Amino acid sequence: MDSELSALETKVAHAVAQLKQLREEGRELRQLLAARTDENVRLAEKLATAKARIEALLKQIPETEA
């Protein structure tokens, strides 16, 4: 009986350790996702600005007759 309780205690301790590790990994992944989402927004804004600048420059180019 003692060996069964000991084995169960070991399994529970292992499960608790895994739970803690998975919670930490989840926290890290949420932080990484937030950082990447912010970066994606920033890059989309830069892309929109560049597109607007290119469109403005294209309007300044005189059309040529073909």
C-alpha atoms as a PDB file:
ATOM      1  CA  MET A   1       0.000   0.000   0.000  1.00  0.00           C
ATOM      2  CA  ASP A   2       2.836   2.391   0.825  1.00  0.00           C
ATOM      3  CA  SER A   3       4.455   1.734  -2.530  1.00  0.00           C
ATOM      4  CA  GLU A   4       1.169   2.475  -4.299  1.00  0.00           C
ATOM      5  CA  LEU A   5       0.793   5.760  -2.416  1.00  0.00           C
ATOM      6  CA  SER A   6       4.384   6.631  -3.155  1.00  0.00           C
ATOM      7  CA  ALA A   7       3.880   5.915  -6.848  1.00  0.00           C
ATOM      8  CA  LEU A   8       0.709   7.999  -6.865  1.00  0.00           C
ATOM      9  CA  GLU A   9       2.494  10.829  -5.074  1.00  0.00           C
ATOM     10  CA  THR A  10       5.255  10.722  -7.676  1.00  0.00           C
ATOM     11  CA  LYS A  11       2.728  10.833 -10.503  1.00  0.00           C
ATOM     12  CA  VAL A  12       0.878  13.759  -8.929  1.00  0.00           C
ATOM     13  CA  ALA A  13       4.133  15.648  -8.382  1.00  0.00           C
ATOM     14  CA  HIS A  14       5.079  15.020 -12.004  1.00  0.00           C
ATOM     15  CA  ALA A  15       1.656  16.216 -13.207  1.00  0.00           C
ATOM     16  CA  VAL A  16       1.942  19.378 -11.090  1.00  0.00           C
ATOM     17  CA  ALA A  17       5.421  20.074 -12.484  1.00  0.00           C
ATOM     18  CA  GLN A  18       4.138  19.618 -16.036  1.00  0.00           C
ATOM     19  CA  LEU A  19       1.209  21.921 -15.335  1.00  0.00           C
ATOM     20  CA  LYS A  20       3.542  24.642 -14.059  1.00  0.00           C
ATOM     21  CA  GLN A  21       5.782  24.255 -17.094  1.00  0.00           C
ATOM     22  CA  LEU A  22       2.840  24.399 -19.506  1.00  0.00           C
ATOM     23  CA  ARG A  23       1.432  27.480 -17.793  1.00  0.00           C
ATOM     24  CA  GLU A  24       4.801  29.214 -18.118  1.00  0.00           C
ATOM     25  CA  GLU A  25       5.072  28.225 -21.774  1.00  0.00           C
ATOM     26  CA  GLY A  26       1.541  29.515 -22.363  1.00  0.00           C
ATOM     27  CA  ARG A  27       2.430  32.835 -20.721  1.00  0.00           C
ATOM     28  CA  GLU A  28       5.563  33.149 -22.845  1.00  0.00           C
ATOM     29  CA  LEU A  29       3.622  32.304 -26.008  1.00  0.00           C
ATOM     30  CA  ARG A  30       0.959  34.905 -25.206  1.00  0.00           C
ATOM     31  CA  GLN A  31       3.679  37.522 -24.739  1.00  0.00           C
ATOM     32  CA  LEU A  32       5.329  36.501 -27.995  1.00  0.00           C
ATOM     33  CA  LEU A  33       2.005  36.635 -29.819  1.00  0.00           C
ATOM     34  CA  ALA A  34       1.312  40.116 -28.450  1.00  0.00           C
ATOM     35  CA  ALA A  35       4.757  41.308 -29.562  1.00  0.00           C
ATOM     36  CA  ARG A  36       4.324  39.834 -33.039  1.00  0.00           C
ATOM     37  CA  THR A  37       0.843  41.316 -33.346  1.00  0.00           C
ATOM     38  CA  ASP A  38       2.197  44.746 -32.447  1.00  0.00           C
ATOM     39  CA  GLU A  39       5.009  44.317 -34.953  1.00  0.00           C
ATOM     40  CA  ASN A  40       2.524  43.254 -37.626  1.00  0.00           C
ATOM     41  CA  VAL A  41       0.431  46.373 -37.024  1.00  0.00           C
ATOM     42  CA  ARG A  42       3.528  48.575 -37.173  1.00  0.00           C
ATOM     43  CA  LEU A  43       4.686  46.978 -40.430  1.00  0.00           C
ATOM     44  CA  ALA A  44       1.218  47.289 -41.963  1.00  0.00           C
ATOM     45  CA  GLU A  45       1.252  50.999 -41.129  1.00  0.00           C
ATOM     46  CA  LYS A  46       4.694  51.389 -42.711  1.00  0.00           C
ATOM     47  CA  LEU A  47       3.484  49.542 -45.791  1.00  0.00           C
ATOM     48  CA  ALA A  48       0.428  51.780 -46.093  1.00  0.00           C
ATOM     49  CA  THR A  49       2.634  54.872 -45.771  1.00  0.00           C
ATOM     50  CA  ALA A  50       5.027  53.592 -48.431  1.00  0.00           C
ATOM     51  CA  LYS A  51       2.122  52.757 -50.743  1.00  0.00           C
ATOM     52  CA  ALA A  52       0.685  56.255 -50.340  1.00  0.00           C
ATOM     53  CA  ARG A  53       4.080  57.818 -51.063  1.00  0.00           C
ATOM     54  CA  ILE A  54       4.576  55.691 -54.181  1.00  0.00           C
ATOM     55  CA  GLU A  55       1.088  56.526 -55.425  1.00  0.00           C
ATOM     56  CA  ALA A  56       1.784  60.238 -54.877  1.00  0.00           C
ATOM     57  CA  LEU A  57       5.058  59.957 -56.801  1.00  0.00           C
ATOM     58  CA  LEU A  58       3.381  58.094 -59.641  1.00  0.00           C
ATOM     59  CA  LYS A  59       0.853  60.900 -59.994  1.00  0.00           C
ATOM     60  CA  GLN A  60       3.721  63.349 -60.467  1.00  0.00           C
ATOM     61  CA  ILE A  61       5.134  61.446 -63.445  1.00  0.00           C
ATOM     62  CA  PRO A  62       3.837  62.902 -66.668  1.00  0.00           C
ATOM     63  CA  GLU A  63       2.046  60.493 -68.946  1.00  0.00           C
ATOM     64  CA  THR A  64       3.762  59.794 -72.237  1.00  0.00           C
ATOM     65  CA  GLU A  65       2.068  59.038 -75.495  1.00  0.00           C
ATOM     66  CA  ALA A  66       2.731  55.573 -76.810  1.00  0.00           C
END
